[in-house]
Amino acid sequence: MSSPPRAPDRQAAVATALAGLLCLATAMGIGRFAFTPLLPMMLADGVVDLRGASTLATANYVGYWLGALACALQPWLWRRLGRSQPLLQTRAIRIGLVATLLLTAGMALPWPAAWPWWRFMAGLASALVFVYTSGWCLARLTSLGSPALAGVIYVGPGLGISVSGLAASAMVAHGWLAWQGWLAMAALAVLLMALVWPRLHGSVGVTGGVAQADAPTRRGALAAFALAYGLAGYGYIVTATFLPVIARQALPGSVWLDLFWPLFGLGVSVGALLTLRLPMHWDRRHLLAGCYAMQALGVALSVVLPTLAGFALGSLLLGLPFTAITLFALQEARRLRPHGAAAFIGLLTASYGLGQIAGPLLVAAVLARSATPHEGFTVSLMSAAGALLAGLAIYLVLARRRPA
């Protein structure tokens, strides 16, 4: 039986959405993606090379994958221990945010042997914050009668990416070193955490929201959905990790090089806000297919049009659907598994993490076998666009066979 819907509490819903925004801005925009605009500074300082950069990126994505997998298995673990699952989402979010701050600051230390471990643990922390923030906020917004505000939460990564990217541009202009950049990112994390900390209180159940009956979905369809979502992780990660490096090789000396990454972040934020205007009854798989097509075009533009206009448009097309993909996938997960949403969200995030792990590994392998870096990045980018098109096809097949 479904419980009667609550009257919307707009003020509490907006506060919840903004809390989620700040959490994801810290954990994703800084904890995960500050590495991208700081990478050219690290390369210029000579503290890392492209192969080492791929190792650091892979370490972060492996940590993200393991963290998401742990979140997916947590309900099973507590059942095996014969205990009820504790309702500690906000405590887990706080732990992840503190870890993000400390590990970001740790990258400023002159201990290159420890950097892969810092990035690995930062991935764990960001997965913890992402999964629990998503589950907590989506459930609270549903229970407060304002599920459409979920798009506000996913403005967070884009906001963090834009701010950190612009900050890195200013650092480059003033001749800062990479270690100073990492400390600046840690200071930015402190500011964001100070804003969100008072809001992180209370909790909801594992699924939260209004009780519903599970959708009669076959395991094969769930596995196909998870596979398609994982392909998005692979499809975007090559560009998202190496965009500043690729742009520098294609447009040496351009004054606009450091603005492509903030432009990507701006697209992420705008795309998340645009989801607020979409009707809730639209099939999320159709929306996901459209998002994948947009990202595939953005990735391909980096290859077929390596100009200022091409990189700018490609950055926007890659960013606009970035968190919209996450939102639509998690909304579909709650539709398919309303009584097991947290575990299924963890599984989807783990699948996405596997795709992200594969991306830098492929780039490192292809670069080692290519005559020039340009050739290696071209092969990697085209394979990423192909992965997105494959995911698009899976969503369309699922939507046709099992209409919502």
Protein backbone atom coordinates (compact mmCIF):
# COMPACT_ATOMS: atom_id res chain seq x y z
CA MET A 1 0.00 0.00 0.00
CA SER A 2 1.22 3.50 -0.79
CA SER A 3 1.15 6.08 1.99
CA PRO A 4 -0.65 9.34 1.15
CA PRO A 5 1.65 12.01 -0.29
CA ARG A 6 2.69 14.80 2.04
CA ALA A 7 1.90 18.42 1.34
CA PRO A 8 4.98 20.05 -0.20
CA ASP A 9 7.30 21.76 2.29
CA ARG A 10 9.07 24.09 -0.13
CA GLN A 11 11.46 25.71 2.33
CA ALA A 12 12.74 22.39 3.71
CA ALA A 13 12.98 20.96 0.18
CA VAL A 14 15.06 23.89 -1.09
CA ALA A 15 17.36 23.63 1.95
CA THR A 16 17.81 19.89 1.28
CA ALA A 17 18.57 20.44 -2.41
CA LEU A 18 21.12 23.17 -1.64
CA ALA A 19 22.78 20.94 0.97
CA GLY A 20 23.13 18.22 -1.65
CA LEU A 21 24.52 20.75 -4.13
CA LEU A 22 27.26 21.85 -1.72
CA CYS A 23 28.15 18.27 -0.77
CA LEU A 24 28.61 17.23 -4.40
CA ALA A 25 30.45 20.45 -5.25
CA THR A 26 33.00 19.54 -2.56
CA ALA A 27 33.32 15.80 -3.11
CA MET A 28 33.03 15.74 -6.91
CA GLY A 29 34.00 19.21 -8.13
CA ILE A 30 37.06 19.39 -5.86
CA GLY A 31 37.77 15.92 -4.44
CA ARG A 32 37.64 14.26 -7.85
CA PHE A 33 37.90 16.82 -10.61
CA ALA A 34 40.28 19.48 -9.25
CA PHE A 35 42.98 17.14 -10.55
CA THR A 36 42.06 17.97 -14.17
CA PRO A 37 42.81 21.75 -14.15
CA LEU A 38 45.80 21.23 -11.86
CA LEU A 39 47.33 18.52 -14.08
CA PRO A 40 48.91 21.00 -16.55
CA MET A 41 50.53 22.78 -13.58
CA MET A 42 51.92 19.46 -12.30
CA LEU A 43 53.26 18.65 -15.78
CA ALA A 44 54.82 22.11 -16.09
CA ASP A 45 56.47 21.74 -12.66
CA GLY A 46 57.91 18.40 -13.76
CA VAL A 47 56.48 16.54 -10.75
CA VAL A 48 54.54 14.10 -12.97
CA ASP A 49 54.49 12.95 -16.61
CA LEU A 50 51.57 11.73 -18.74
CA ARG A 51 52.04 8.12 -17.67
CA GLY A 52 52.16 9.17 -14.02
CA ALA A 53 49.06 11.32 -14.57
CA SER A 54 47.20 8.29 -15.91
CA THR A 55 48.26 6.34 -12.84
CA LEU A 56 46.95 9.04 -10.50
CA ALA A 57 43.67 9.24 -12.42
CA THR A 58 43.25 5.46 -12.39
CA ALA A 59 43.96 5.29 -8.65
CA ASN A 60 41.18 7.80 -8.05
CA TYR A 61 38.71 5.90 -10.21
CA VAL A 62 39.58 2.56 -8.59
CA GLY A 63 38.90 4.13 -5.20
CA TYR A 64 35.61 5.54 -6.49
CA TRP A 65 34.58 2.12 -7.80
CA LEU A 66 35.43 0.32 -4.57
CA GLY A 67 33.64 2.96 -2.52
CA ALA A 68 30.51 2.64 -4.65
CA LEU A 69 30.70 -1.15 -4.46
CA ALA A 70 30.95 -0.99 -0.67
CA CYS A 71 27.83 1.20 -0.58
CA ALA A 72 26.02 -1.28 -2.80
CA LEU A 73 26.94 -4.22 -0.56
CA GLN A 74 26.29 -2.47 2.76
CA PRO A 75 22.68 -3.69 3.21
CA TRP A 76 23.79 -7.28 2.51
CA LEU A 77 26.69 -6.94 4.95
CA TRP A 78 24.49 -5.74 7.79
CA ARG A 79 22.02 -8.56 7.16
CA ARG A 80 24.86 -11.09 7.25
CA LEU A 81 25.93 -9.67 10.60
CA GLY A 82 22.38 -10.14 11.89
CA ARG A 83 21.91 -6.44 12.60
CA SER A 84 19.52 -3.85 11.29
CA GLN A 85 21.15 -1.30 9.02
CA PRO A 86 21.95 1.92 10.90
CA LEU A 87 20.41 5.09 9.52
CA LEU A 88 23.60 7.16 9.37
CA GLN A 89 23.56 8.76 5.93
CA THR A 90 24.44 12.26 7.14
CA ARG A 91 27.25 10.95 9.34
CA ALA A 92 28.71 9.06 6.36
CA ILE A 93 28.48 12.25 4.27
CA ARG A 94 30.36 14.23 6.92
CA ILE A 95 33.10 11.61 7.12
CA GLY A 96 33.49 11.68 3.34
CA LEU A 97 33.68 15.48 3.24
CA VAL A 98 36.37 15.65 5.93
CA ALA A 99 38.37 12.97 4.13
CA THR A 100 38.05 14.92 0.86
CA LEU A 101 39.48 18.02 2.53
CA LEU A 102 42.44 16.22 4.11
CA LEU A 103 43.32 14.22 1.00
CA THR A 104 43.15 17.29 -1.25
CA ALA A 105 45.55 19.10 1.07
CA GLY A 106 47.77 15.98 1.15
CA MET A 107 48.49 16.37 -2.57
CA ALA A 108 50.48 19.50 -1.70
CA LEU A 109 53.01 17.44 0.25
CA PRO A 110 56.26 16.61 -1.62
CA TRP A 111 55.67 12.86 -1.37
CA PRO A 112 54.99 11.67 -4.93
CA ALA A 113 55.07 8.03 -3.85
CA ALA A 114 52.03 8.72 -1.64
CA TRP A 115 50.03 10.63 -4.25
CA PRO A 116 48.42 7.52 -5.82
CA TRP A 117 47.23 6.50 -2.36
CA TRP A 118 45.84 9.97 -1.67
CA ARG A 119 43.96 9.91 -4.97
CA PHE A 120 42.73 6.36 -4.30
CA MET A 121 41.30 7.34 -0.91
CA ALA A 122 39.86 10.54 -2.36
CA GLY A 123 37.95 8.34 -4.79
CA LEU A 124 36.61 6.27 -1.88
CA ALA A 125 35.51 9.43 -0.10
CA SER A 126 33.81 10.93 -3.15
CA ALA A 127 31.86 7.72 -3.80
CA LEU A 128 30.72 7.69 -0.18
CA VAL A 129 29.50 11.29 -0.39
CA PHE A 130 27.92 10.84 -3.82
CA VAL A 131 25.92 7.70 -3.02
CA TYR A 132 24.71 8.80 0.40
CA THR A 133 24.04 12.39 -0.63
CA SER A 134 22.03 11.17 -3.63
CA GLY A 135 20.05 8.66 -1.60
CA TRP A 136 19.44 11.03 1.33
CA CYS A 137 18.46 14.04 -0.78
CA LEU A 138 16.29 12.18 -3.31
CA ALA A 139 14.40 10.42 -0.52
CA ARG A 140 13.90 13.62 1.49
CA LEU A 141 12.75 15.58 -1.56
CA THR A 142 10.23 12.85 -2.36
CA SER A 143 8.94 12.78 1.21
CA LEU A 144 8.73 16.59 1.22
CA GLY A 145 6.64 16.55 -1.95
CA SER A 146 9.24 18.21 -4.20
CA PRO A 147 11.01 15.46 -6.22
CA ALA A 148 11.47 17.80 -9.20
CA LEU A 149 14.05 19.81 -7.20
CA ALA A 150 16.47 16.89 -7.52
CA GLY A 151 18.13 18.65 -10.45
CA VAL A 152 19.42 21.34 -8.08
CA ILE A 153 21.54 18.74 -6.27
CA TYR A 154 23.46 17.91 -9.43
CA VAL A 155 24.37 21.52 -10.11
CA GLY A 156 26.98 20.88 -7.41
CA PRO A 157 29.60 19.03 -9.49
CA GLY A 158 29.39 21.63 -12.25
CA LEU A 159 29.69 24.47 -9.76
CA GLY A 160 32.75 22.86 -8.17
CA ILE A 161 34.32 22.19 -11.58
CA SER A 162 33.75 25.77 -12.77
CA VAL A 163 35.04 27.42 -9.60
CA SER A 164 38.08 25.14 -9.32
CA GLY A 165 38.81 25.54 -13.03
CA LEU A 166 38.66 29.34 -12.92
CA ALA A 167 40.79 29.32 -9.78
CA ALA A 168 43.39 27.17 -11.54
CA SER A 169 43.39 29.60 -14.49
CA ALA A 170 44.10 32.48 -12.12
CA MET A 171 46.90 30.48 -10.47
CA VAL A 172 48.55 29.79 -13.83
CA ALA A 173 48.31 33.47 -14.75
CA HIS A 174 50.09 34.40 -11.50
CA GLY A 175 52.76 31.73 -11.80
CA TRP A 176 51.64 29.53 -8.92
CA LEU A 177 53.14 26.08 -8.45
CA ALA A 178 51.02 22.94 -8.37
CA TRP A 179 51.40 22.37 -4.63
CA GLN A 180 50.06 25.85 -3.98
CA GLY A 181 47.11 25.01 -6.23
CA TRP A 182 46.26 21.93 -4.17
CA LEU A 183 46.30 23.98 -0.97
CA ALA A 184 44.01 26.54 -2.59
CA MET A 185 41.58 23.76 -3.53
CA ALA A 186 41.64 22.51 0.06
CA ALA A 187 40.82 26.03 1.27
CA LEU A 188 37.89 26.14 -1.16
CA ALA A 189 36.68 22.81 0.25
CA VAL A 190 36.76 24.31 3.76
CA LEU A 191 34.53 27.17 2.61
CA LEU A 192 31.97 24.86 0.98
CA MET A 193 31.94 22.52 3.97
CA ALA A 194 31.35 25.41 6.37
CA LEU A 195 28.23 26.33 4.38
CA VAL A 196 26.75 22.83 4.29
CA TRP A 197 27.76 21.43 7.69
CA PRO A 198 24.80 22.82 9.72
CA ARG A 199 22.36 21.27 7.22
CA LEU A 200 23.67 17.73 7.62
CA HIS A 201 21.36 16.43 10.28
CA GLY A 202 18.57 13.89 10.42
CA SER A 203 18.23 10.78 8.34
CA VAL A 204 15.79 8.69 6.38
CA GLY A 205 15.41 5.00 5.71
CA VAL A 206 17.40 3.03 3.19
CA THR A 207 14.98 3.94 0.44
CA GLY A 208 13.12 6.85 2.00
CA GLY A 209 10.24 8.64 0.45
CA VAL A 210 6.82 7.17 -0.23
CA ALA A 211 6.45 3.44 0.01
CA GLN A 212 5.80 1.78 -3.31
CA ALA A 213 5.70 -1.69 -4.78
CA ASP A 214 8.84 -2.84 -6.57
CA ALA A 215 8.58 -2.71 -10.34
CA PRO A 216 8.52 -6.21 -11.86
CA THR A 217 11.83 -5.86 -13.65
CA ARG A 218 13.92 -8.82 -14.77
CA ARG A 219 17.51 -9.08 -13.67
CA GLY A 220 18.65 -9.05 -17.28
CA ALA A 221 17.05 -5.65 -17.83
CA LEU A 222 18.66 -4.33 -14.64
CA ALA A 223 22.05 -5.65 -15.75
CA ALA A 224 21.66 -4.07 -19.18
CA PHE A 225 20.72 -0.76 -17.57
CA ALA A 226 23.80 -0.92 -15.34
CA LEU A 227 25.99 -1.75 -18.36
CA ALA A 228 24.65 1.21 -20.32
CA TYR A 229 25.30 3.50 -17.37
CA GLY A 230 28.84 2.15 -17.05
CA LEU A 231 29.51 2.96 -20.70
CA ALA A 232 28.86 6.62 -19.88
CA GLY A 233 31.67 6.47 -17.32
CA TYR A 234 34.07 5.31 -20.01
CA GLY A 235 32.62 7.60 -22.66
CA TYR A 236 33.27 10.89 -20.92
CA ILE A 237 36.34 10.18 -18.80
CA VAL A 238 39.05 10.47 -21.47
CA THR A 239 37.99 14.01 -22.36
CA ALA A 240 37.20 14.96 -18.75
CA THR A 241 40.64 13.86 -17.55
CA PHE A 242 42.86 15.06 -20.38
CA LEU A 243 40.92 17.98 -21.93
CA PRO A 244 43.42 20.70 -20.88
CA VAL A 245 46.35 18.58 -22.08
CA ILE A 246 44.67 17.74 -25.42
CA ALA A 247 43.77 21.40 -25.99
CA ARG A 248 47.35 22.53 -25.27
CA GLN A 249 48.71 20.13 -27.85
CA ALA A 250 46.19 21.24 -30.49
CA LEU A 251 46.34 24.99 -29.75
CA PRO A 252 49.79 25.77 -28.32
CA GLY A 253 50.07 29.26 -26.94
CA SER A 254 46.35 30.08 -27.06
CA VAL A 255 45.15 32.41 -24.28
CA TRP A 256 41.85 30.49 -24.06
CA LEU A 257 43.30 27.12 -23.10
CA ASP A 258 42.50 27.33 -19.40
CA LEU A 259 38.86 28.24 -20.00
CA PHE A 260 37.71 25.01 -21.67
CA TRP A 261 37.47 23.15 -18.37
CA PRO A 262 35.46 25.89 -16.58
CA LEU A 263 33.24 25.96 -19.67
CA PHE A 264 32.64 22.24 -19.20
CA GLY A 265 31.69 22.94 -15.57
CA LEU A 266 29.32 25.71 -16.63
CA GLY A 267 27.64 23.28 -19.01
CA VAL A 268 27.26 20.77 -16.17
CA SER A 269 25.48 23.33 -13.98
CA VAL A 270 23.23 24.63 -16.76
CA GLY A 271 22.30 21.09 -17.80
CA ALA A 272 21.32 20.20 -14.24
CA LEU A 273 19.12 23.28 -13.98
CA LEU A 274 17.44 22.50 -17.30
CA THR A 275 16.26 19.17 -15.87
CA LEU A 276 13.97 21.14 -13.54
CA ARG A 277 11.81 22.01 -16.58
CA LEU A 278 11.34 18.43 -17.76
CA PRO A 279 8.07 16.64 -16.93
CA MET A 280 8.48 13.83 -14.40
CA HIS A 281 6.39 11.43 -16.52
CA TRP A 282 8.84 11.42 -19.44
CA ASP A 283 10.65 8.09 -19.85
CA ARG A 284 14.10 8.55 -18.30
CA ARG A 285 15.64 6.04 -20.73
CA HIS A 286 14.68 8.21 -23.69
CA LEU A 287 16.22 11.21 -21.94
CA LEU A 288 19.37 9.21 -21.22
CA ALA A 289 19.66 8.24 -24.89
CA GLY A 290 19.47 11.90 -25.89
CA CYS A 291 22.13 12.82 -23.33
CA TYR A 292 24.47 10.10 -24.62
CA ALA A 293 24.06 11.37 -28.19
CA MET A 294 24.99 14.89 -27.06
CA GLN A 295 28.09 13.70 -25.20
CA ALA A 296 29.20 11.50 -28.12
CA LEU A 297 29.05 14.53 -30.40
CA GLY A 298 31.01 16.60 -27.88
CA VAL A 299 33.74 13.96 -27.64
CA ALA A 300 33.95 13.58 -31.42
CA LEU A 301 34.30 17.34 -31.92
CA SER A 302 37.63 17.24 -30.06
CA VAL A 303 38.89 15.01 -32.89
CA VAL A 304 37.20 16.29 -36.05
CA LEU A 305 37.35 20.00 -35.13
CA PRO A 306 40.47 20.65 -32.98
CA THR A 307 39.99 24.43 -33.07
CA LEU A 308 38.98 27.04 -30.52
CA ALA A 309 35.34 26.76 -31.59
CA GLY A 310 35.49 22.96 -31.67
CA PHE A 311 36.90 22.63 -28.16
CA ALA A 312 34.48 25.24 -26.77
CA LEU A 313 31.41 23.59 -28.30
CA GLY A 314 32.70 20.13 -27.42
CA SER A 315 33.20 21.17 -23.79
CA LEU A 316 29.63 22.46 -23.59
CA LEU A 317 28.14 19.36 -25.23
CA LEU A 318 30.12 17.12 -22.91
CA GLY A 319 29.10 19.10 -19.82
CA LEU A 320 25.41 19.84 -20.44
CA PRO A 321 24.22 16.23 -20.01
CA PHE A 322 26.91 15.21 -17.50
CA THR A 323 24.95 15.32 -14.25
CA ALA A 324 21.62 15.06 -16.08
CA ILE A 325 22.72 11.52 -16.96
CA THR A 326 23.31 10.80 -13.29
CA LEU A 327 19.98 12.30 -12.24
CA PHE A 328 17.96 10.43 -14.86
CA ALA A 329 19.70 7.14 -14.08
CA LEU A 330 19.10 7.47 -10.33
CA GLN A 331 15.47 8.46 -10.87
CA GLU A 332 15.03 5.35 -13.01
CA ALA A 333 16.77 3.30 -10.31
CA ARG A 334 14.26 4.51 -7.72
CA ARG A 335 11.41 3.65 -10.08
CA LEU A 336 12.71 0.14 -10.66
CA ARG A 337 13.79 -0.58 -7.10
CA PRO A 338 12.00 1.77 -4.66
CA HIS A 339 12.65 -0.65 -1.77
CA GLY A 340 16.28 -1.29 -2.70
CA ALA A 341 17.28 2.06 -4.15
CA ALA A 342 20.42 2.59 -2.07
CA ALA A 343 21.93 -0.74 -3.08
CA PHE A 344 20.98 -0.33 -6.75
CA ILE A 345 22.35 3.23 -6.81
CA GLY A 346 25.59 1.83 -5.40
CA LEU A 347 25.64 -0.84 -8.11
CA LEU A 348 25.09 1.74 -10.85
CA THR A 349 27.81 3.97 -9.41
CA ALA A 350 30.19 1.00 -9.28
CA SER A 351 29.43 0.22 -12.93
CA TYR A 352 30.13 3.85 -13.82
CA GLY A 353 33.35 3.63 -11.84
CA LEU A 354 34.50 0.61 -13.83
CA GLY A 355 34.06 2.61 -17.02
CA GLN A 356 36.14 5.43 -15.54
CA ILE A 357 38.90 3.02 -14.53
CA ALA A 358 39.11 1.67 -18.07
CA GLY A 359 39.49 5.13 -19.64
CA PRO A 360 42.88 6.26 -18.25
CA LEU A 361 44.26 2.71 -18.56
CA LEU A 362 43.36 2.68 -22.24
CA VAL A 363 44.88 6.13 -22.78
CA ALA A 364 48.14 5.06 -21.13
CA ALA A 365 48.29 1.87 -23.25
CA VAL A 366 47.44 3.65 -26.50
CA LEU A 367 49.90 6.50 -25.86
CA ALA A 368 52.67 3.96 -25.27
CA ARG A 369 51.99 2.40 -28.70
CA SER A 370 51.32 5.55 -30.71
CA ALA A 371 53.79 7.48 -32.80
CA THR A 372 52.59 10.80 -31.34
CA PRO A 373 50.39 11.86 -28.39
CA HIS A 374 47.92 13.33 -30.92
CA GLU A 375 47.46 9.93 -32.53
CA GLY A 376 46.97 8.25 -29.16
CA PHE A 377 44.38 10.77 -27.96
CA THR A 378 42.51 10.51 -31.28
CA VAL A 379 42.10 6.72 -30.95
CA SER A 380 41.07 7.04 -27.30
CA LEU A 381 38.49 9.75 -27.97
CA MET A 382 36.86 7.89 -30.85
CA SER A 383 36.52 4.74 -28.76
CA ALA A 384 34.88 6.85 -26.05
CA ALA A 385 32.35 8.23 -28.53
CA GLY A 386 31.63 4.67 -29.69
CA ALA A 387 30.97 3.55 -26.10
CA LEU A 388 28.41 6.33 -25.66
CA LEU A 389 26.61 5.32 -28.85
CA ALA A 390 26.49 1.71 -27.62
CA GLY A 391 24.92 2.85 -24.34
CA LEU A 392 22.39 4.92 -26.29
CA ALA A 393 21.33 1.82 -28.24
CA ILE A 394 20.86 -0.21 -25.02
CA TYR A 395 18.53 2.42 -23.53
CA LEU A 396 16.41 2.54 -26.66
CA VAL A 397 16.07 -1.25 -26.74
CA LEU A 398 15.11 -1.33 -23.04
CA ALA A 399 12.53 1.42 -23.50
CA ARG A 400 10.98 -0.37 -26.45
CA ARG A 401 10.82 -3.79 -24.80
CA ARG A 402 9.68 -2.58 -21.38
CA PRO A 403 7.76 0.71 -21.66
CA ALA A 404 7.58 2.69 -18.42
